Amino acid sequence: MENEKTYTINADEGYLEFVRRVIADQPDREPLRIVEQLMEIAVGEVMERMDDLSAVASDKRLTVTLRHSGKQIDGRLILIMGDNTDRVDYKPDGDKWVLTICRDVPPPFVTRRGYKY
């Protein structure tokens, strides 16, 4: 993909600071604000069990991937995340869980007001 950039969390950086940094680095930040809110929920659910957080951004989308161990996130939260972004994938990977949230820029839908964000 054109202009794709991979982000990894810095050793001295908090999980939410990382997400905010990635979003702040994007030219079209407004449609990505929902990703910050969804990751805040996800991180709150698995904070003590977080293993890794990374992101890939391009001109067309932002994908944030969270890996954690232990009990899975409540399926209702995953459904809410899916309802509020473009793609969510949550699956086991060995003894870990991997949550991927993807947001297109601009989002591929039209609002009730009839215009795109």
PDB file of N, CA and C in Angstrom:
ATOM      1  N   MET A   1       0.836  -1.178   0.000  1.00  0.00           N
ATOM      2  CA  MET A   1       0.000   0.000   0.000  1.00  0.00           C
ATOM      3  C   MET A   1       0.885   1.247   0.000  1.00  0.00           C
ATOM      4  N   GLU A   2       0.439   2.285  -0.656  1.00  0.00           N
ATOM      5  CA  GLU A   2       1.202   3.524  -0.739  1.00  0.00           C
ATOM      6  C   GLU A   2       1.341   4.198   0.613  1.00  0.00           C
ATOM      7  N   ASN A   3       2.514   4.754   0.864  1.00  0.00           N
ATOM      8  CA  ASN A   3       2.781   5.537   2.073  1.00  0.00           C
ATOM      9  C   ASN A   3       2.439   4.797   3.359  1.00  0.00           C
ATOM     10  N   GLU A   4       2.657   3.506   3.405  1.00  0.00           N
ATOM     11  CA  GLU A   4       2.366   2.717   4.601  1.00  0.00           C
ATOM     12  C   GLU A   4       3.494   2.884   5.616  1.00  0.00           C
ATOM     13  N   LYS A   5       3.114   3.083   6.867  1.00  0.00           N
ATOM     14  CA  LYS A   5       4.079   3.246   7.939  1.00  0.00           C
ATOM     15  C   LYS A   5       3.678   2.346   9.102  1.00  0.00           C
ATOM     16  N   THR A   6       4.647   1.623   9.659  1.00  0.00           N
ATOM     17  CA  THR A   6       4.410   0.746  10.801  1.00  0.00           C
ATOM     18  C   THR A   6       4.897   1.448  12.064  1.00  0.00           C
ATOM     19  N   TYR A   7       4.072   1.393  13.088  1.00  0.00           N
ATOM     20  CA  TYR A   7       4.396   2.007  14.374  1.00  0.00           C
ATOM     21  C   TYR A   7       4.530   0.925  15.437  1.00  0.00           C
ATOM     22  N   THR A   8       5.511   1.079  16.297  1.00  0.00           N
ATOM     23  CA  THR A   8       5.647   0.208  17.456  1.00  0.00           C
ATOM     24  C   THR A   8       5.723   1.091  18.695  1.00  0.00           C
ATOM     25  N   ILE A   9       5.326   0.520  19.795  1.00  0.00           N
ATOM     26  CA  ILE A   9       5.287   1.264  21.044  1.00  0.00           C
ATOM     27  C   ILE A   9       6.708   1.452  21.572  1.00  0.00           C
ATOM     28  N   ASN A  10       7.001   2.650  22.055  1.00  0.00           N
ATOM     29  CA  ASN A  10       8.300   2.938  22.650  1.00  0.00           C
ATOM     30  C   ASN A  10       8.353   2.368  24.064  1.00  0.00           C
ATOM     31  N   ALA A  11       9.548   2.052  24.539  1.00  0.00           N
ATOM     32  CA  ALA A  11       9.720   1.435  25.858  1.00  0.00           C
ATOM     33  C   ALA A  11       9.141   2.282  26.986  1.00  0.00           C
ATOM     34  N   ASP A  12       9.196   3.592  26.877  1.00  0.00           N
ATOM     35  CA  ASP A  12       8.727   4.472  27.949  1.00  0.00           C
ATOM     36  C   ASP A  12       7.331   5.042  27.689  1.00  0.00           C
ATOM     37  N   GLU A  13       6.603   4.471  26.745  1.00  0.00           N
ATOM     38  CA  GLU A  13       5.319   5.004  26.309  1.00  0.00           C
ATOM     39  C   GLU A  13       4.173   4.142  26.828  1.00  0.00           C
ATOM     40  N   GLY A  14       3.141   4.780  27.337  1.00  0.00           N
ATOM     41  CA  GLY A  14       1.934   4.065  27.745  1.00  0.00           C
ATOM     42  C   GLY A  14       1.131   3.641  26.524  1.00  0.00           C
ATOM     43  N   TYR A  15       0.250   2.673  26.720  1.00  0.00           N
ATOM     44  CA  TYR A  15      -0.526   2.144  25.599  1.00  0.00           C
ATOM     45  C   TYR A  15      -1.402   3.210  24.949  1.00  0.00           C
ATOM     46  N   LEU A  16      -2.104   3.988  25.757  1.00  0.00           N
ATOM     47  CA  LEU A  16      -2.970   5.014  25.188  1.00  0.00           C
ATOM     48  C   LEU A  16      -2.164   6.173  24.616  1.00  0.00           C
ATOM     49  N   GLU A  17      -1.020   6.477  25.202  1.00  0.00           N
ATOM     50  CA  GLU A  17      -0.134   7.498  24.628  1.00  0.00           C
ATOM     51  C   GLU A  17       0.301   7.078  23.225  1.00  0.00           C
ATOM     52  N   PHE A  18       0.574   5.781  23.066  1.00  0.00           N
ATOM     53  CA  PHE A  18       0.971   5.248  21.768  1.00  0.00           C
ATOM     54  C   PHE A  18      -0.130   5.477  20.734  1.00  0.00           C
ATOM     55  N   VAL A  19      -1.364   5.106  21.075  1.00  0.00           N
ATOM     56  CA  VAL A  19      -2.482   5.262  20.137  1.00  0.00           C
ATOM     57  C   VAL A  19      -2.666   6.739  19.778  1.00  0.00           C
ATOM     58  N   ARG A  20      -2.585   7.604  20.770  1.00  0.00           N
ATOM     59  CA  ARG A  20      -2.726   9.047  20.513  1.00  0.00           C
ATOM     60  C   ARG A  20      -1.610   9.556  19.601  1.00  0.00           C
ATOM     61  N   ARG A  21      -0.390   9.072  19.803  1.00  0.00           N
ATOM     62  CA  ARG A  21       0.736   9.483  18.960  1.00  0.00           C
ATOM     63  C   ARG A  21       0.520   9.050  17.512  1.00  0.00           C
ATOM     64  N   VAL A  22       0.078   7.821  17.331  1.00  0.00           N
ATOM     65  CA  VAL A  22      -0.154   7.309  15.977  1.00  0.00           C
ATOM     66  C   VAL A  22      -1.229   8.135  15.282  1.00  0.00           C
ATOM     67  N   ILE A  23      -2.327   8.395  15.968  1.00  0.00           N
ATOM     68  CA  ILE A  23      -3.417   9.172  15.369  1.00  0.00           C
ATOM     69  C   ILE A  23      -2.962  10.600  15.080  1.00  0.00           C
ATOM     70  N   ALA A  24      -2.223  11.205  15.991  1.00  0.00           N
ATOM     71  CA  ALA A  24      -1.739  12.572  15.800  1.00  0.00           C
ATOM     72  C   ALA A  24      -0.815  12.677  14.595  1.00  0.00           C
ATOM     73  N   ASP A  25      -0.180  11.590  14.218  1.00  0.00           N
ATOM     74  CA  ASP A  25       0.747  11.579  13.096  1.00  0.00           C
ATOM     75  C   ASP A  25       0.033  11.478  11.744  1.00  0.00           C
ATOM     76  N   GLN A  26      -1.274  11.279  11.759  1.00  0.00           N
ATOM     77  CA  GLN A  26      -2.021  11.100  10.519  1.00  0.00           C
ATOM     78  C   GLN A  26      -2.555  12.434  10.015  1.00  0.00           C
ATOM     79  N   PRO A  27      -2.555  12.637   8.693  1.00  0.00           N
ATOM     80  CA  PRO A  27      -3.047  13.911   8.152  1.00  0.00           C
ATOM     81  C   PRO A  27      -4.552  14.106   8.335  1.00  0.00           C
ATOM     82  N   ASP A  28      -5.325  13.039   8.323  1.00  0.00           N
ATOM     83  CA  ASP A  28      -6.784  13.123   8.474  1.00  0.00           C
ATOM     84  C   ASP A  28      -7.170  12.450   9.787  1.00  0.00           C
ATOM     85  N   ARG A  29      -7.029  13.176  10.882  1.00  0.00           N
ATOM     86  CA  ARG A  29      -7.209  12.601  12.219  1.00  0.00           C
ATOM     87  C   ARG A  29      -8.669  12.434  12.636  1.00  0.00           C
ATOM     88  N   GLU A  30      -9.540  13.278  12.177  1.00  0.00           N
ATOM     89  CA  GLU A  30     -10.920  13.288  12.685  1.00  0.00           C
ATOM     90  C   GLU A  30     -11.614  11.926  12.584  1.00  0.00           C
ATOM     91  N   PRO A  31     -11.582  11.239  11.432  1.00  0.00           N
ATOM     92  CA  PRO A  31     -12.269   9.947  11.370  1.00  0.00           C
ATOM     93  C   PRO A  31     -11.601   8.862  12.216  1.00  0.00           C
ATOM     94  N   LEU A  32     -10.386   9.125  12.697  1.00  0.00           N
ATOM     95  CA  LEU A  32      -9.654   8.124  13.478  1.00  0.00           C
ATOM     96  C   LEU A  32      -9.897   8.256  14.980  1.00  0.00           C
ATOM     97  N   ARG A  33     -10.569   9.303  15.401  1.00  0.00           N
ATOM     98  CA  ARG A  33     -10.799   9.518  16.834  1.00  0.00           C
ATOM     99  C   ARG A  33     -11.545   8.351  17.474  1.00  0.00           C
ATOM    100  N   ILE A  34     -12.420   7.698  16.732  1.00  0.00           N
ATOM    101  CA  ILE A  34     -13.155   6.557  17.274  1.00  0.00           C
ATOM    102  C   ILE A  34     -12.205   5.419  17.625  1.00  0.00           C
ATOM    103  N   VAL A  35     -11.113   5.267  16.883  1.00  0.00           N
ATOM    104  CA  VAL A  35     -10.138   4.218  17.175  1.00  0.00           C
ATOM    105  C   VAL A  35      -9.530   4.459  18.554  1.00  0.00           C
ATOM    106  N   GLU A  36      -9.228   5.703  18.870  1.00  0.00           N
ATOM    107  CA  GLU A  36      -8.686   6.028  20.194  1.00  0.00           C
ATOM    108  C   GLU A  36      -9.664   5.620  21.290  1.00  0.00           C
ATOM    109  N   GLN A  37     -10.940   5.920  21.110  1.00  0.00           N
ATOM    110  CA  GLN A  37     -11.943   5.575  22.113  1.00  0.00           C
ATOM    111  C   GLN A  37     -12.096   4.062  22.258  1.00  0.00           C
ATOM    112  N   LEU A  38     -12.112   3.356  21.140  1.00  0.00           N
ATOM    113  CA  LEU A  38     -12.258   1.899  21.184  1.00  0.00           C
ATOM    114  C   LEU A  38     -11.038   1.234  21.815  1.00  0.00           C
ATOM    115  N   MET A  39      -9.855   1.756  21.509  1.00  0.00           N
ATOM    116  CA  MET A  39      -8.653   1.186  22.121  1.00  0.00           C
ATOM    117  C   MET A  39      -8.608   1.486  23.619  1.00  0.00           C
ATOM    118  N   GLU A  40      -9.137   2.622  24.033  1.00  0.00           N
ATOM    119  CA  GLU A  40      -9.204   2.920  25.463  1.00  0.00           C
ATOM    120  C   GLU A  40     -10.061   1.877  26.180  1.00  0.00           C
ATOM    121  N   ILE A  41     -11.154   1.485  25.574  1.00  0.00           N
ATOM    122  CA  ILE A  41     -12.009   0.442  26.139  1.00  0.00           C
ATOM    123  C   ILE A  41     -11.258  -0.890  26.173  1.00  0.00           C
ATOM    124  N   ALA A  42     -10.650  -1.261  25.057  1.00  0.00           N
ATOM    125  CA  ALA A  42      -9.954  -2.546  24.966  1.00  0.00           C
ATOM    126  C   ALA A  42      -8.796  -2.618  25.954  1.00  0.00           C
ATOM    127  N   VAL A  43      -7.986  -1.562  26.016  1.00  0.00           N
ATOM    128  CA  VAL A  43      -6.848  -1.550  26.935  1.00  0.00           C
ATOM    129  C   VAL A  43      -7.339  -1.637  28.373  1.00  0.00           C
ATOM    130  N   GLY A  44      -8.434  -0.964  28.689  1.00  0.00           N
ATOM    131  CA  GLY A  44      -9.008  -1.047  30.028  1.00  0.00           C
ATOM    132  C   GLY A  44      -9.418  -2.460  30.399  1.00  0.00           C
ATOM    133  N   GLU A  45      -9.860  -3.221  29.414  1.00  0.00           N
ATOM    134  CA  GLU A  45     -10.285  -4.599  29.650  1.00  0.00           C
ATOM    135  C   GLU A  45      -9.115  -5.549  29.890  1.00  0.00           C
ATOM    136  N   VAL A  46      -7.979  -5.295  29.256  1.00  0.00           N
ATOM    137  CA  VAL A  46      -6.872  -6.253  29.293  1.00  0.00           C
ATOM    138  C   VAL A  46      -5.557  -5.663  29.806  1.00  0.00           C
ATOM    139  N   MET A  47      -5.617  -4.527  30.468  1.00  0.00           N
ATOM    140  CA  MET A  47      -4.410  -3.789  30.861  1.00  0.00           C
ATOM    141  C   MET A  47      -3.349  -4.670  31.521  1.00  0.00           C
ATOM    142  N   GLU A  48      -3.719  -5.483  32.454  1.00  0.00           N
ATOM    143  CA  GLU A  48      -2.749  -6.312  33.176  1.00  0.00           C
ATOM    144  C   GLU A  48      -2.230  -7.474  32.328  1.00  0.00           C
ATOM    145  N   ARG A  49      -2.877  -7.716  31.179  1.00  0.00           N
ATOM    146  CA  ARG A  49      -2.518  -8.875  30.359  1.00  0.00           C
ATOM    147  C   ARG A  49      -2.017  -8.493  28.976  1.00  0.00           C
ATOM    148  N   MET A  50      -1.723  -7.215  28.774  1.00  0.00           N
ATOM    149  CA  MET A  50      -1.260  -6.742  27.470  1.00  0.00           C
ATOM    150  C   MET A  50       0.116  -7.313  27.153  1.00  0.00           C
ATOM    151  N   ASP A  51       0.279  -7.731  25.926  1.00  0.00           N
ATOM    152  CA  ASP A  51       1.563  -8.244  25.463  1.00  0.00           C
ATOM    153  C   ASP A  51       2.204  -7.320  24.439  1.00  0.00           C
ATOM    154  N   ASP A  52       1.374  -6.754  23.549  1.00  0.00           N
ATOM    155  CA  ASP A  52       1.936  -5.947  22.473  1.00  0.00           C
ATOM    156  C   ASP A  52       0.846  -5.058  21.887  1.00  0.00           C
ATOM    157  N   LEU A  53       1.268  -3.937  21.362  1.00  0.00           N
ATOM    158  CA  LEU A  53       0.379  -3.015  20.667  1.00  0.00           C
ATOM    159  C   LEU A  53       1.171  -2.437  19.500  1.00  0.00           C
ATOM    160  N   SER A  54       0.594  -2.483  18.312  1.00  0.00           N
ATOM    161  CA  SER A  54       1.264  -1.945  17.134  1.00  0.00           C
ATOM    162  C   SER A  54       0.217  -1.346  16.210  1.00  0.00           C
ATOM    163  N   ALA A  55       0.676  -0.620  15.205  1.00  0.00           N
ATOM    164  CA  ALA A  55      -0.240   0.002  14.251  1.00  0.00           C
ATOM    165  C   ALA A  55       0.423   0.090  12.886  1.00  0.00           C
ATOM    166  N   VAL A  56      -0.422   0.089  11.872  1.00  0.00           N
ATOM    167  CA  VAL A  56       0.015   0.309  10.497  1.00  0.00           C
ATOM    168  C   VAL A  56      -0.921   1.363   9.925  1.00  0.00           C
ATOM    169  N   ALA A  57      -0.343   2.423   9.379  1.00  0.00           N
ATOM    170  CA  ALA A  57      -1.138   3.509   8.815  1.00  0.00           C
ATOM    171  C   ALA A  57      -0.728   3.742   7.372  1.00  0.00           C
ATOM    172  N   SER A  58      -1.709   4.136   6.579  1.00  0.00           N
ATOM    173  CA  SER A  58      -1.462   4.522   5.194  1.00  0.00           C
ATOM    174  C   SER A  58      -2.381   5.695   4.878  1.00  0.00           C
ATOM    175  N   ASP A  59      -2.351   6.128   3.640  1.00  0.00           N
ATOM    176  CA  ASP A  59      -3.236   7.210   3.215  1.00  0.00           C
ATOM    177  C   ASP A  59      -4.701   6.797   3.306  1.00  0.00           C
ATOM    178  N   LYS A  60      -4.966   5.504   3.273  1.00  0.00           N
ATOM    179  CA  LYS A  60      -6.342   5.023   3.187  1.00  0.00           C
ATOM    180  C   LYS A  60      -6.900   4.385   4.453  1.00  0.00           C
ATOM    181  N   ARG A  61      -6.026   4.007   5.411  1.00  0.00           N
ATOM    182  CA  ARG A  61      -6.565   3.348   6.603  1.00  0.00           C
ATOM    183  C   ARG A  61      -5.564   3.319   7.740  1.00  0.00           C
ATOM    184  N   LEU A  62      -6.112   3.073   8.923  1.00  0.00           N
ATOM    185  CA  LEU A  62      -5.318   2.853  10.125  1.00  0.00           C
ATOM    186  C   LEU A  62      -5.740   1.521  10.702  1.00  0.00           C
ATOM    187  N   THR A  63      -4.765   0.666  10.985  1.00  0.00           N
ATOM    188  CA  THR A  63      -5.019  -0.625  11.605  1.00  0.00           C
ATOM    189  C   THR A  63      -4.201  -0.705  12.883  1.00  0.00           C
ATOM    190  N   VAL A  64      -4.887  -0.926  14.000  1.00  0.00           N
ATOM    191  CA  VAL A  64      -4.234  -1.055  15.296  1.00  0.00           C
ATOM    192  C   VAL A  64      -4.436  -2.498  15.761  1.00  0.00           C
ATOM    193  N   THR A  65      -3.350  -3.131  16.207  1.00  0.00           N
ATOM    194  CA  THR A  65      -3.398  -4.528  16.642  1.00  0.00           C
ATOM    195  C   THR A  65      -2.929  -4.627  18.088  1.00  0.00           C
ATOM    196  N   LEU A  66      -3.748  -5.251  18.901  1.00  0.00           N
ATOM    197  CA  LEU A  66      -3.475  -5.456  20.322  1.00  0.00           C
ATOM    198  C   LEU A  66      -3.394  -6.957  20.582  1.00  0.00           C
ATOM    199  N   ARG A  67      -2.349  -7.395  21.269  1.00  0.00           N
ATOM    200  CA  ARG A  67      -2.199  -8.806  21.650  1.00  0.00           C
ATOM    201  C   ARG A  67      -2.233  -8.892  23.165  1.00  0.00           C
ATOM    202  N   HIS A  68      -2.979  -9.874  23.668  1.00  0.00           N
ATOM    203  CA  HIS A  68      -3.041 -10.058  25.116  1.00  0.00           C
ATOM    204  C   HIS A  68      -3.186 -11.535  25.456  1.00  0.00           C
ATOM    205  N   SER A  69      -2.883 -11.835  26.702  1.00  0.00           N
ATOM    206  CA  SER A  69      -3.021 -13.207  27.192  1.00  0.00           C
ATOM    207  C   SER A  69      -4.239 -13.279  28.105  1.00  0.00           C
ATOM    208  N   GLY A  70      -4.513 -14.478  28.589  1.00  0.00           N
ATOM    209  CA  GLY A  70      -5.599 -14.661  29.546  1.00  0.00           C
ATOM    210  C   GLY A  70      -6.969 -14.711  28.905  1.00  0.00           C
ATOM    211  N   LYS A  71      -7.963 -14.362  29.708  1.00  0.00           N
ATOM    212  CA  LYS A  71      -9.367 -14.418  29.304  1.00  0.00           C
ATOM    213  C   LYS A  71      -9.645 -13.466  28.147  1.00  0.00           C
ATOM    214  N   GLN A  72     -10.520 -13.899  27.247  1.00  0.00           N
ATOM    215  CA  GLN A  72     -10.857 -13.065  26.106  1.00  0.00           C
ATOM    216  C   GLN A  72     -11.749 -11.896  26.520  1.00  0.00           C
ATOM    217  N   ILE A  73     -11.768 -10.865  25.684  1.00  0.00           N
ATOM    218  CA  ILE A  73     -12.635  -9.709  25.887  1.00  0.00           C
ATOM    219  C   ILE A  73     -14.072 -10.137  25.639  1.00  0.00           C
ATOM    220  N   ASP A  74     -14.991  -9.588  26.416  1.00  0.00           N
ATOM    221  CA  ASP A  74     -16.423  -9.892  26.282  1.00  0.00           C
ATOM    222  C   ASP A  74     -16.862  -9.663  24.834  1.00  0.00           C
ATOM    223  N   GLY A  75     -17.552 -10.639  24.278  1.00  0.00           N
ATOM    224  CA  GLY A  75     -17.993 -10.571  22.892  1.00  0.00           C
ATOM    225  C   GLY A  75     -18.886  -9.389  22.591  1.00  0.00           C
ATOM    226  N   ARG A  76     -19.638  -8.911  23.583  1.00  0.00           N
ATOM    227  CA  ARG A  76     -20.496  -7.744  23.363  1.00  0.00           C
ATOM    228  C   ARG A  76     -19.660  -6.495  23.076  1.00  0.00           C
ATOM    229  N   LEU A  77     -18.509  -6.382  23.746  1.00  0.00           N
ATOM    230  CA  LEU A  77     -17.632  -5.235  23.468  1.00  0.00           C
ATOM    231  C   LEU A  77     -17.068  -5.311  22.057  1.00  0.00           C
ATOM    232  N   ILE A  78     -16.744  -6.522  21.623  1.00  0.00           N
ATOM    233  CA  ILE A  78     -16.223  -6.686  20.256  1.00  0.00           C
ATOM    234  C   ILE A  78     -17.298  -6.298  19.242  1.00  0.00           C
ATOM    235  N   LEU A  79     -18.555  -6.666  19.504  1.00  0.00           N
ATOM    236  CA  LEU A  79     -19.650  -6.283  18.606  1.00  0.00           C
ATOM    237  C   LEU A  79     -19.812  -4.764  18.550  1.00  0.00           C
ATOM    238  N   ILE A  80     -19.712  -4.106  19.694  1.00  0.00           N
ATOM    239  CA  ILE A  80     -19.806  -2.640  19.734  1.00  0.00           C
ATOM    240  C   ILE A  80     -18.670  -2.019  18.927  1.00  0.00           C
ATOM    241  N   MET A  81     -17.477  -2.563  19.081  1.00  0.00           N
ATOM    242  CA  MET A  81     -16.336  -2.058  18.311  1.00  0.00           C
ATOM    243  C   MET A  81     -16.588  -2.217  16.818  1.00  0.00           C
ATOM    244  N   GLY A  82     -17.125  -3.367  16.435  1.00  0.00           N
ATOM    245  CA  GLY A  82     -17.419  -3.613  15.026  1.00  0.00           C
ATOM    246  C   GLY A  82     -18.483  -2.689  14.474  1.00  0.00           C
ATOM    247  N   ASP A  83     -19.439  -2.313  15.326  1.00  0.00           N
ATOM    248  CA  ASP A  83     -20.496  -1.397  14.900  1.00  0.00           C
ATOM    249  C   ASP A  83     -19.998   0.034  14.732  1.00  0.00           C
ATOM    250  N   ASN A  84     -18.864   0.364  15.312  1.00  0.00           N
ATOM    251  CA  ASN A  84     -18.388   1.740  15.328  1.00  0.00           C
ATOM    252  C   ASN A  84     -17.110   1.982  14.545  1.00  0.00           C
ATOM    253  N   THR A  85     -16.687   0.988  13.793  1.00  0.00           N
ATOM    254  CA  THR A  85     -15.512   1.163  12.934  1.00  0.00           C
ATOM    255  C   THR A  85     -15.713   0.316  11.683  1.00  0.00           C
ATOM    256  N   ASP A  86     -14.717   0.239  10.834  1.00  0.00           N
ATOM    257  CA  ASP A  86     -14.902  -0.438   9.556  1.00  0.00           C
ATOM    258  C   ASP A  86     -14.684  -1.948   9.609  1.00  0.00           C
ATOM    259  N   ARG A  87     -13.677  -2.391  10.327  1.00  0.00           N
ATOM    260  CA  ARG A  87     -13.422  -3.821  10.460  1.00  0.00           C
ATOM    261  C   ARG A  87     -12.816  -4.106  11.823  1.00  0.00           C
ATOM    262  N   VAL A  88     -13.302  -5.155  12.451  1.00  0.00           N
ATOM    263  CA  VAL A  88     -12.732  -5.640  13.712  1.00  0.00           C
ATOM    264  C   VAL A  88     -12.552  -7.138  13.576  1.00  0.00           C
ATOM    265  N   ASP A  89     -11.384  -7.600  13.966  1.00  0.00           N
ATOM    266  CA  ASP A  89     -11.097  -9.032  13.968  1.00  0.00           C
ATOM    267  C   ASP A  89     -10.558  -9.374  15.351  1.00  0.00           C
ATOM    268  N   TYR A  90     -11.111 -10.412  15.961  1.00  0.00           N
ATOM    269  CA  TYR A  90     -10.662 -10.831  17.291  1.00  0.00           C
ATOM    270  C   TYR A  90     -10.606 -12.342  17.292  1.00  0.00           C
ATOM    271  N   LYS A  91      -9.391 -12.867  17.469  1.00  0.00           N
ATOM    272  CA  LYS A  91      -9.239 -14.320  17.364  1.00  0.00           C
ATOM    273  C   LYS A  91      -8.083 -14.797  18.245  1.00  0.00           C
ATOM    274  N   PRO A  92      -8.120 -16.067  18.600  1.00  0.00           N
ATOM    275  CA  PRO A  92      -7.003 -16.625  19.368  1.00  0.00           C
ATOM    276  C   PRO A  92      -5.799 -16.864  18.454  1.00  0.00           C
ATOM    277  N   ASP A  93      -4.626 -16.761  19.060  1.00  0.00           N
ATOM    278  CA  ASP A  93      -3.372 -17.052  18.356  1.00  0.00           C
ATOM    279  C   ASP A  93      -2.497 -17.792  19.355  1.00  0.00           C
ATOM    280  N   GLY A  94      -2.586 -19.105  19.353  1.00  0.00           N
ATOM    281  CA  GLY A  94      -1.898 -19.906  20.369  1.00  0.00           C
ATOM    282  C   GLY A  94      -2.543 -19.645  21.719  1.00  0.00           C
ATOM    283  N   ASP A  95      -1.749 -19.254  22.703  1.00  0.00           N
ATOM    284  CA  ASP A  95      -2.302 -18.963  24.024  1.00  0.00           C
ATOM    285  C   ASP A  95      -2.567 -17.467  24.210  1.00  0.00           C
ATOM    286  N   LYS A  96      -2.560 -16.707  23.138  1.00  0.00           N
ATOM    287  CA  LYS A  96      -2.823 -15.261  23.155  1.00  0.00           C
ATOM    288  C   LYS A  96      -4.102 -14.957  22.390  1.00  0.00           C
ATOM    289  N   TRP A  97      -4.584 -13.732  22.547  1.00  0.00           N
ATOM    290  CA  TRP A  97      -5.705 -13.206  21.773  1.00  0.00           C
ATOM    291  C   TRP A  97      -5.209 -12.010  20.986  1.00  0.00           C
ATOM    292  N   VAL A  98      -5.712 -11.854  19.760  1.00  0.00           N
ATOM    293  CA  VAL A  98      -5.300 -10.750  18.898  1.00  0.00           C
ATOM    294  C   VAL A  98      -6.552  -9.976  18.464  1.00  0.00           C
ATOM    295  N   LEU A  99      -6.571  -8.679  18.816  1.00  0.00           N
ATOM    296  CA  LEU A  99      -7.652  -7.778  18.424  1.00  0.00           C
ATOM    297  C   LEU A  99      -7.094  -6.809  17.393  1.00  0.00           C
ATOM    298  N   THR A 100      -7.755  -6.741  16.236  1.00  0.00           N
ATOM    299  CA  THR A 100      -7.347  -5.818  15.177  1.00  0.00           C
ATOM    300  C   THR A 100      -8.528  -4.917  14.851  1.00  0.00           C
ATOM    301  N   ILE A 101      -8.295  -3.610  14.951  1.00  0.00           N
ATOM    302  CA  ILE A 101      -9.315  -2.619  14.621  1.00  0.00           C
ATOM    303  C   ILE A 101      -8.814  -1.836  13.420  1.00  0.00           C
ATOM    304  N   CYS A 102      -9.637  -1.756  12.387  1.00  0.00           N
ATOM    305  CA  CYS A 102      -9.255  -1.068  11.157  1.00  0.00           C
ATOM    306  C   CYS A 102     -10.260   0.038  10.857  1.00  0.00           C
ATOM    307  N   ARG A 103      -9.753   1.212  10.568  1.00  0.00           N
ATOM    308  CA  ARG A 103     -10.586   2.369  10.227  1.00  0.00           C
ATOM    309  C   ARG A 103     -10.124   2.928   8.898  1.00  0.00           C
ATOM    310  N   ASP A 104     -11.036   3.005   7.940  1.00  0.00           N
ATOM    311  CA  ASP A 104     -10.722   3.576   6.639  1.00  0.00           C
ATOM    312  C   ASP A 104     -10.743   5.093   6.728  1.00  0.00           C
ATOM    313  N   VAL A 105      -9.939   5.736   5.891  1.00  0.00           N
ATOM    314  CA  VAL A 105      -9.896   7.188   5.828  1.00  0.00           C
ATOM    315  C   VAL A 105     -10.112   7.603   4.386  1.00  0.00           C
ATOM    316  N   PRO A 106     -11.142   8.317   4.056  1.00  0.00           N
ATOM    317  CA  PRO A 106     -12.286   8.597   4.914  1.00  0.00           C
ATOM    318  C   PRO A 106     -13.140   7.350   5.061  1.00  0.00           C
ATOM    319  N   PRO A 107     -14.017   7.314   6.078  1.00  0.00           N
ATOM    320  CA  PRO A 107     -14.874   6.149   6.256  1.00  0.00           C
ATOM    321  C   PRO A 107     -15.742   5.927   5.017  1.00  0.00           C
ATOM    322  N   PRO A 108     -16.031   4.673   4.694  1.00  0.00           N
ATOM    323  CA  PRO A 108     -16.738   4.378   3.441  1.00  0.00           C
ATOM    324  C   PRO A 108     -18.256   4.477   3.526  1.00  0.00           C
ATOM    325  N   PHE A 109     -18.790   5.241   4.456  1.00  0.00           N
ATOM    326  CA  PHE A 109     -20.241   5.311   4.584  1.00  0.00           C
ATOM    327  C   PHE A 109     -20.705   6.756   4.534  1.00  0.00           C
ATOM    328  N   VAL A 110     -21.984   6.910   4.273  1.00  0.00           N
ATOM    329  CA  VAL A 110     -22.607   8.226   4.237  1.00  0.00           C
ATOM    330  C   VAL A 110     -23.437   8.372   5.499  1.00  0.00           C
ATOM    331  N   THR A 111     -23.358   9.513   6.136  1.00  0.00           N
ATOM    332  CA  THR A 111     -24.129   9.737   7.351  1.00  0.00           C
ATOM    333  C   THR A 111     -25.578  10.036   7.010  1.00  0.00           C
ATOM    334  N   ARG A 112     -26.410  10.114   8.031  1.00  0.00           N
ATOM    335  CA  ARG A 112     -27.817  10.447   7.818  1.00  0.00           C
ATOM    336  C   ARG A 112     -27.983  11.851   7.243  1.00  0.00           C
ATOM    337  N   ARG A 113     -26.999  12.692   7.431  1.00  0.00           N
ATOM    338  CA  ARG A 113     -27.076  14.056   6.902  1.00  0.00           C
ATOM    339  C   ARG A 113     -26.743  14.093   5.412  1.00  0.00           C
ATOM    340  N   GLY A 114     -26.278  12.980   4.884  1.00  0.00           N
ATOM    341  CA  GLY A 114     -26.047  12.890   3.447  1.00  0.00           C
ATOM    342  C   GLY A 114     -24.658  13.289   2.983  1.00  0.00           C
ATOM    343  N   TYR A 115     -23.705  13.446   3.874  1.00  0.00           N
ATOM    344  CA  TYR A 115     -22.361  13.767   3.458  1.00  0.00           C
ATOM    345  C   TYR A 115     -21.375  12.818   4.118  1.00  0.00           C
ATOM    346  N   LYS A 116     -20.198  12.709   3.498  1.00  0.00           N
ATOM    347  CA  LYS A 116     -19.152  11.867   4.061  1.00  0.00           C
ATOM    348  C   LYS A 116     -18.305  12.691   4.998  1.00  0.00           C
ATOM    349  N   TYR A 117     -17.729  12.041   5.993  1.00  0.00           N
ATOM    350  CA  TYR A 117     -16.788  12.722   6.893  1.00  0.00           C
ATOM    351  C   TYR A 117     -15.520  13.014   6.143  1.00  0.00           C
TER     352      TYR A 117
END
